[in-house]
Amino acid sequence: MLSWAVTFLIIALIAGVVGLTGVAGAATNIAWILFVVFLIIFAVSFITGKSPRV
């Protein structure tokens, strides 16, 4: 999950440099959502003491 977030962040940065602001904005939003989902899954697994099956 975290690797996908980083991938979309890199895509957003490259699109921003090239000037594709629509693609950069969309990729940034996707990266943000994936990062938040990662944090929620991490917190739940940390509290319960179980590792998530990926």
PDB file of N, CA and C in Angstrom:
ATOM      1  N   MET A   1       0.836  -1.187   0.000  1.00  0.00           N
ATOM      2  CA  MET A   1       0.000   0.000   0.000  1.00  0.00           C
ATOM      3  C   MET A   1       0.881   1.251   0.000  1.00  0.00           C
ATOM      4  N   LEU A   2       1.887   1.228   0.826  1.00  0.00           N
ATOM      5  CA  LEU A   2       2.773   2.388   0.899  1.00  0.00           C
ATOM      6  C   LEU A   2       3.560   2.555  -0.398  1.00  0.00           C
ATOM      7  N   SER A   3       3.941   1.446  -1.012  1.00  0.00           N
ATOM      8  CA  SER A   3       4.686   1.537  -2.268  1.00  0.00           C
ATOM      9  C   SER A   3       3.827   2.142  -3.379  1.00  0.00           C
ATOM     10  N   TRP A   4       2.528   1.832  -3.387  1.00  0.00           N
ATOM     11  CA  TRP A   4       1.636   2.423  -4.380  1.00  0.00           C
ATOM     12  C   TRP A   4       1.506   3.932  -4.141  1.00  0.00           C
ATOM     13  N   ALA A   5       1.443   4.327  -2.880  1.00  0.00           N
ATOM     14  CA  ALA A   5       1.344   5.751  -2.564  1.00  0.00           C
ATOM     15  C   ALA A   5       2.587   6.499  -3.040  1.00  0.00           C
ATOM     16  N   VAL A   6       3.750   5.908  -2.813  1.00  0.00           N
ATOM     17  CA  VAL A   6       5.000   6.530  -3.248  1.00  0.00           C
ATOM     18  C   VAL A   6       5.063   6.583  -4.778  1.00  0.00           C
ATOM     19  N   THR A   7       4.582   5.532  -5.435  1.00  0.00           N
ATOM     20  CA  THR A   7       4.572   5.503  -6.895  1.00  0.00           C
ATOM     21  C   THR A   7       3.714   6.631  -7.457  1.00  0.00           C
ATOM     22  N   PHE A   8       2.504   6.803  -6.907  1.00  0.00           N
ATOM     23  CA  PHE A   8       1.642   7.867  -7.394  1.00  0.00           C
ATOM     24  C   PHE A   8       2.198   9.245  -7.049  1.00  0.00           C
ATOM     25  N   LEU A   9       2.915   9.360  -5.942  1.00  0.00           N
ATOM     26  CA  LEU A   9       3.546  10.630  -5.600  1.00  0.00           C
ATOM     27  C   LEU A   9       4.633  10.981  -6.610  1.00  0.00           C
ATOM     28  N   ILE A  10       5.414   9.991  -7.017  1.00  0.00           N
ATOM     29  CA  ILE A  10       6.460  10.222  -8.023  1.00  0.00           C
ATOM     30  C   ILE A  10       5.835  10.604  -9.359  1.00  0.00           C
ATOM     31  N   ILE A  11       4.738   9.921  -9.725  1.00  0.00           N
ATOM     32  CA  ILE A  11       4.036  10.271 -10.959  1.00  0.00           C
ATOM     33  C   ILE A  11       3.541  11.715 -10.885  1.00  0.00           C
ATOM     34  N   ALA A  12       3.010  12.116  -9.732  1.00  0.00           N
ATOM     35  CA  ALA A  12       2.526  13.481  -9.567  1.00  0.00           C
ATOM     36  C   ALA A  12       3.659  14.494  -9.696  1.00  0.00           C
ATOM     37  N   LEU A  13       4.801  14.181  -9.116  1.00  0.00           N
ATOM     38  CA  LEU A  13       5.934  15.107  -9.205  1.00  0.00           C
ATOM     39  C   LEU A  13       6.417  15.250 -10.639  1.00  0.00           C
ATOM     40  N   ILE A  14       6.512  14.143 -11.363  1.00  0.00           N
ATOM     41  CA  ILE A  14       6.962  14.189 -12.756  1.00  0.00           C
ATOM     42  C   ILE A  14       5.944  14.951 -13.607  1.00  0.00           C
ATOM     43  N   ALA A  15       4.663  14.676 -13.394  1.00  0.00           N
ATOM     44  CA  ALA A  15       3.625  15.374 -14.157  1.00  0.00           C
ATOM     45  C   ALA A  15       3.627  16.860 -13.842  1.00  0.00           C
ATOM     46  N   GLY A  16       3.910  17.217 -12.612  1.00  0.00           N
ATOM     47  CA  GLY A  16       3.978  18.626 -12.244  1.00  0.00           C
ATOM     48  C   GLY A  16       5.135  19.343 -12.908  1.00  0.00           C
ATOM     49  N   VAL A  17       6.272  18.663 -13.001  1.00  0.00           N
ATOM     50  CA  VAL A  17       7.442  19.262 -13.648  1.00  0.00           C
ATOM     51  C   VAL A  17       7.183  19.446 -15.142  1.00  0.00           C
ATOM     52  N   VAL A  18       6.534  18.457 -15.755  1.00  0.00           N
ATOM     53  CA  VAL A  18       6.265  18.522 -17.185  1.00  0.00           C
ATOM     54  C   VAL A  18       5.178  19.548 -17.499  1.00  0.00           C
ATOM     55  N   GLY A  19       4.284  19.811 -16.545  1.00  0.00           N
ATOM     56  CA  GLY A  19       3.258  20.808 -16.746  1.00  0.00           C
ATOM     57  C   GLY A  19       1.865  20.239 -16.878  1.00  0.00           C
ATOM     58  N   LEU A  20       1.710  18.969 -16.611  1.00  0.00           N
ATOM     59  CA  LEU A  20       0.395  18.330 -16.687  1.00  0.00           C
ATOM     60  C   LEU A  20      -0.288  18.463 -15.332  1.00  0.00           C
ATOM     61  N   THR A  21      -0.880  19.615 -15.090  1.00  0.00           N
ATOM     62  CA  THR A  21      -1.411  19.896 -13.761  1.00  0.00           C
ATOM     63  C   THR A  21      -2.607  19.022 -13.413  1.00  0.00           C
ATOM     64  N   GLY A  22      -3.423  18.659 -14.396  1.00  0.00           N
ATOM     65  CA  GLY A  22      -4.573  17.786 -14.118  1.00  0.00           C
ATOM     66  C   GLY A  22      -4.132  16.414 -13.674  1.00  0.00           C
ATOM     67  N   VAL A  23      -3.152  15.856 -14.370  1.00  0.00           N
ATOM     68  CA  VAL A  23      -2.627  14.539 -14.008  1.00  0.00           C
ATOM     69  C   VAL A  23      -1.916  14.612 -12.670  1.00  0.00           C
ATOM     70  N   ALA A  24      -1.186  15.681 -12.431  1.00  0.00           N
ATOM     71  CA  ALA A  24      -0.468  15.844 -11.168  1.00  0.00           C
ATOM     72  C   ALA A  24      -1.446  15.933 -10.000  1.00  0.00           C
ATOM     73  N   GLY A  25      -2.520  16.667 -10.178  1.00  0.00           N
ATOM     74  CA  GLY A  25      -3.520  16.787  -9.116  1.00  0.00           C
ATOM     75  C   GLY A  25      -4.206  15.470  -8.825  1.00  0.00           C
ATOM     76  N   ALA A  26      -4.558  14.744  -9.876  1.00  0.00           N
ATOM     77  CA  ALA A  26      -5.210  13.445  -9.690  1.00  0.00           C
ATOM     78  C   ALA A  26      -4.279  12.454  -9.012  1.00  0.00           C
ATOM     79  N   ALA A  27      -3.035  12.405  -9.445  1.00  0.00           N
ATOM     80  CA  ALA A  27      -2.071  11.480  -8.855  1.00  0.00           C
ATOM     81  C   ALA A  27      -1.785  11.843  -7.399  1.00  0.00           C
ATOM     82  N   THR A  28      -1.759  13.123  -7.095  1.00  0.00           N
ATOM     83  CA  THR A  28      -1.545  13.552  -5.713  1.00  0.00           C
ATOM     84  C   THR A  28      -2.701  13.116  -4.823  1.00  0.00           C
ATOM     85  N   ASN A  29      -3.929  13.261  -5.326  1.00  0.00           N
ATOM     86  CA  ASN A  29      -5.095  12.835  -4.547  1.00  0.00           C
ATOM     87  C   ASN A  29      -5.090  11.326  -4.316  1.00  0.00           C
ATOM     88  N   ILE A  30      -4.744  10.559  -5.341  1.00  0.00           N
ATOM     89  CA  ILE A  30      -4.681   9.109  -5.195  1.00  0.00           C
ATOM     90  C   ILE A  30      -3.604   8.727  -4.193  1.00  0.00           C
ATOM     91  N   ALA A  31      -2.441   9.379  -4.279  1.00  0.00           N
ATOM     92  CA  ALA A  31      -1.354   9.082  -3.343  1.00  0.00           C
ATOM     93  C   ALA A  31      -1.772   9.406  -1.912  1.00  0.00           C
ATOM     94  N   TRP A  32      -2.479  10.510  -1.704  1.00  0.00           N
ATOM     95  CA  TRP A  32      -2.934  10.909  -0.370  1.00  0.00           C
ATOM     96  C   TRP A  32      -3.921   9.885   0.193  1.00  0.00           C
ATOM     97  N   ILE A  33      -4.871   9.455  -0.632  1.00  0.00           N
ATOM     98  CA  ILE A  33      -5.854   8.468  -0.184  1.00  0.00           C
ATOM     99  C   ILE A  33      -5.179   7.153   0.177  1.00  0.00           C
ATOM    100  N   LEU A  34      -4.256   6.686  -0.654  1.00  0.00           N
ATOM    101  CA  LEU A  34      -3.554   5.433  -0.364  1.00  0.00           C
ATOM    102  C   LEU A  34      -2.730   5.547   0.908  1.00  0.00           C
ATOM    103  N   PHE A  35      -2.108   6.700   1.138  1.00  0.00           N
ATOM    104  CA  PHE A  35      -1.309   6.884   2.346  1.00  0.00           C
ATOM    105  C   PHE A  35      -2.183   6.864   3.594  1.00  0.00           C
ATOM    106  N   VAL A  36      -3.354   7.496   3.519  1.00  0.00           N
ATOM    107  CA  VAL A  36      -4.268   7.494   4.661  1.00  0.00           C
ATOM    108  C   VAL A  36      -4.771   6.077   4.945  1.00  0.00           C
ATOM    109  N   VAL A  37      -5.101   5.333   3.898  1.00  0.00           N
ATOM    110  CA  VAL A  37      -5.534   3.945   4.082  1.00  0.00           C
ATOM    111  C   VAL A  37      -4.410   3.121   4.697  1.00  0.00           C
ATOM    112  N   PHE A  38      -3.175   3.347   4.242  1.00  0.00           N
ATOM    113  CA  PHE A  38      -2.028   2.654   4.826  1.00  0.00           C
ATOM    114  C   PHE A  38      -1.891   2.963   6.316  1.00  0.00           C
ATOM    115  N   LEU A  39      -2.042   4.229   6.680  1.00  0.00           N
ATOM    116  CA  LEU A  39      -1.925   4.602   8.091  1.00  0.00           C
ATOM    117  C   LEU A  39      -3.021   3.963   8.943  1.00  0.00           C
ATOM    118  N   ILE A  40      -4.229   3.896   8.416  1.00  0.00           N
ATOM    119  CA  ILE A  40      -5.329   3.276   9.159  1.00  0.00           C
ATOM    120  C   ILE A  40      -5.065   1.794   9.357  1.00  0.00           C
ATOM    121  N   ILE A  41      -4.657   1.100   8.297  1.00  0.00           N
ATOM    122  CA  ILE A  41      -4.363  -0.333   8.411  1.00  0.00           C
ATOM    123  C   ILE A  41      -3.199  -0.566   9.360  1.00  0.00           C
ATOM    124  N   PHE A  42      -2.179   0.293   9.292  1.00  0.00           N
ATOM    125  CA  PHE A  42      -1.035   0.156  10.189  1.00  0.00           C
ATOM    126  C   PHE A  42      -1.451   0.349  11.642  1.00  0.00           C
ATOM    127  N   ALA A  43      -2.272   1.360  11.907  1.00  0.00           N
ATOM    128  CA  ALA A  43      -2.704   1.628  13.282  1.00  0.00           C
ATOM    129  C   ALA A  43      -3.545   0.476  13.819  1.00  0.00           C
ATOM    130  N   VAL A  44      -4.452  -0.042  13.010  1.00  0.00           N
ATOM    131  CA  VAL A  44      -5.296  -1.153  13.456  1.00  0.00           C
ATOM    132  C   VAL A  44      -4.453  -2.395  13.722  1.00  0.00           C
ATOM    133  N   SER A  45      -3.513  -2.696  12.843  1.00  0.00           N
ATOM    134  CA  SER A  45      -2.678  -3.876  13.056  1.00  0.00           C
ATOM    135  C   SER A  45      -1.735  -3.682  14.246  1.00  0.00           C
ATOM    136  N   PHE A  46      -1.312  -2.448  14.490  1.00  0.00           N
ATOM    137  CA  PHE A  46      -0.443  -2.187  15.646  1.00  0.00           C
ATOM    138  C   PHE A  46      -1.215  -2.358  16.945  1.00  0.00           C
ATOM    139  N   ILE A  47      -2.453  -1.893  16.967  1.00  0.00           N
ATOM    140  CA  ILE A  47      -3.266  -1.992  18.179  1.00  0.00           C
ATOM    141  C   ILE A  47      -3.668  -3.437  18.456  1.00  0.00           C
ATOM    142  N   THR A  48      -4.052  -4.153  17.415  1.00  0.00           N
ATOM    143  CA  THR A  48      -4.492  -5.540  17.613  1.00  0.00           C
ATOM    144  C   THR A  48      -3.332  -6.522  17.706  1.00  0.00           C
ATOM    145  N   GLY A  49      -2.169  -6.133  17.264  1.00  0.00           N
ATOM    146  CA  GLY A  49      -1.011  -7.015  17.332  1.00  0.00           C
ATOM    147  C   GLY A  49      -0.962  -8.039  16.229  1.00  0.00           C
ATOM    148  N   LYS A  50      -1.761  -7.841  15.194  1.00  0.00           N
ATOM    149  CA  LYS A  50      -1.776  -8.770  14.069  1.00  0.00           C
ATOM    150  C   LYS A  50      -1.187  -8.087  12.840  1.00  0.00           C
ATOM    151  N   SER A  51      -0.494  -8.869  12.038  1.00  0.00           N
ATOM    152  CA  SER A  51       0.019  -8.314  10.790  1.00  0.00           C
ATOM    153  C   SER A  51      -1.007  -8.538   9.691  1.00  0.00           C
ATOM    154  N   PRO A  52      -1.230  -7.526   8.858  1.00  0.00           N
ATOM    155  CA  PRO A  52      -2.222  -7.681   7.797  1.00  0.00           C
ATOM    156  C   PRO A  52      -1.721  -8.614   6.706  1.00  0.00           C
ATOM    157  N   ARG A  53      -2.639  -9.358   6.128  1.00  0.00           N
ATOM    158  CA  ARG A  53      -2.276 -10.246   5.026  1.00  0.00           C
ATOM    159  C   ARG A  53      -2.361  -9.460   3.748  1.00  0.00           C
ATOM    160  N   VAL A  54      -1.222  -9.327   3.088  1.00  0.00           N
ATOM    161  CA  VAL A  54      -1.169  -8.509   1.873  1.00  0.00           C
ATOM    162  C   VAL A  54      -1.105  -9.391   0.660  1.00  0.00           C
TER     163      VAL A  54
END
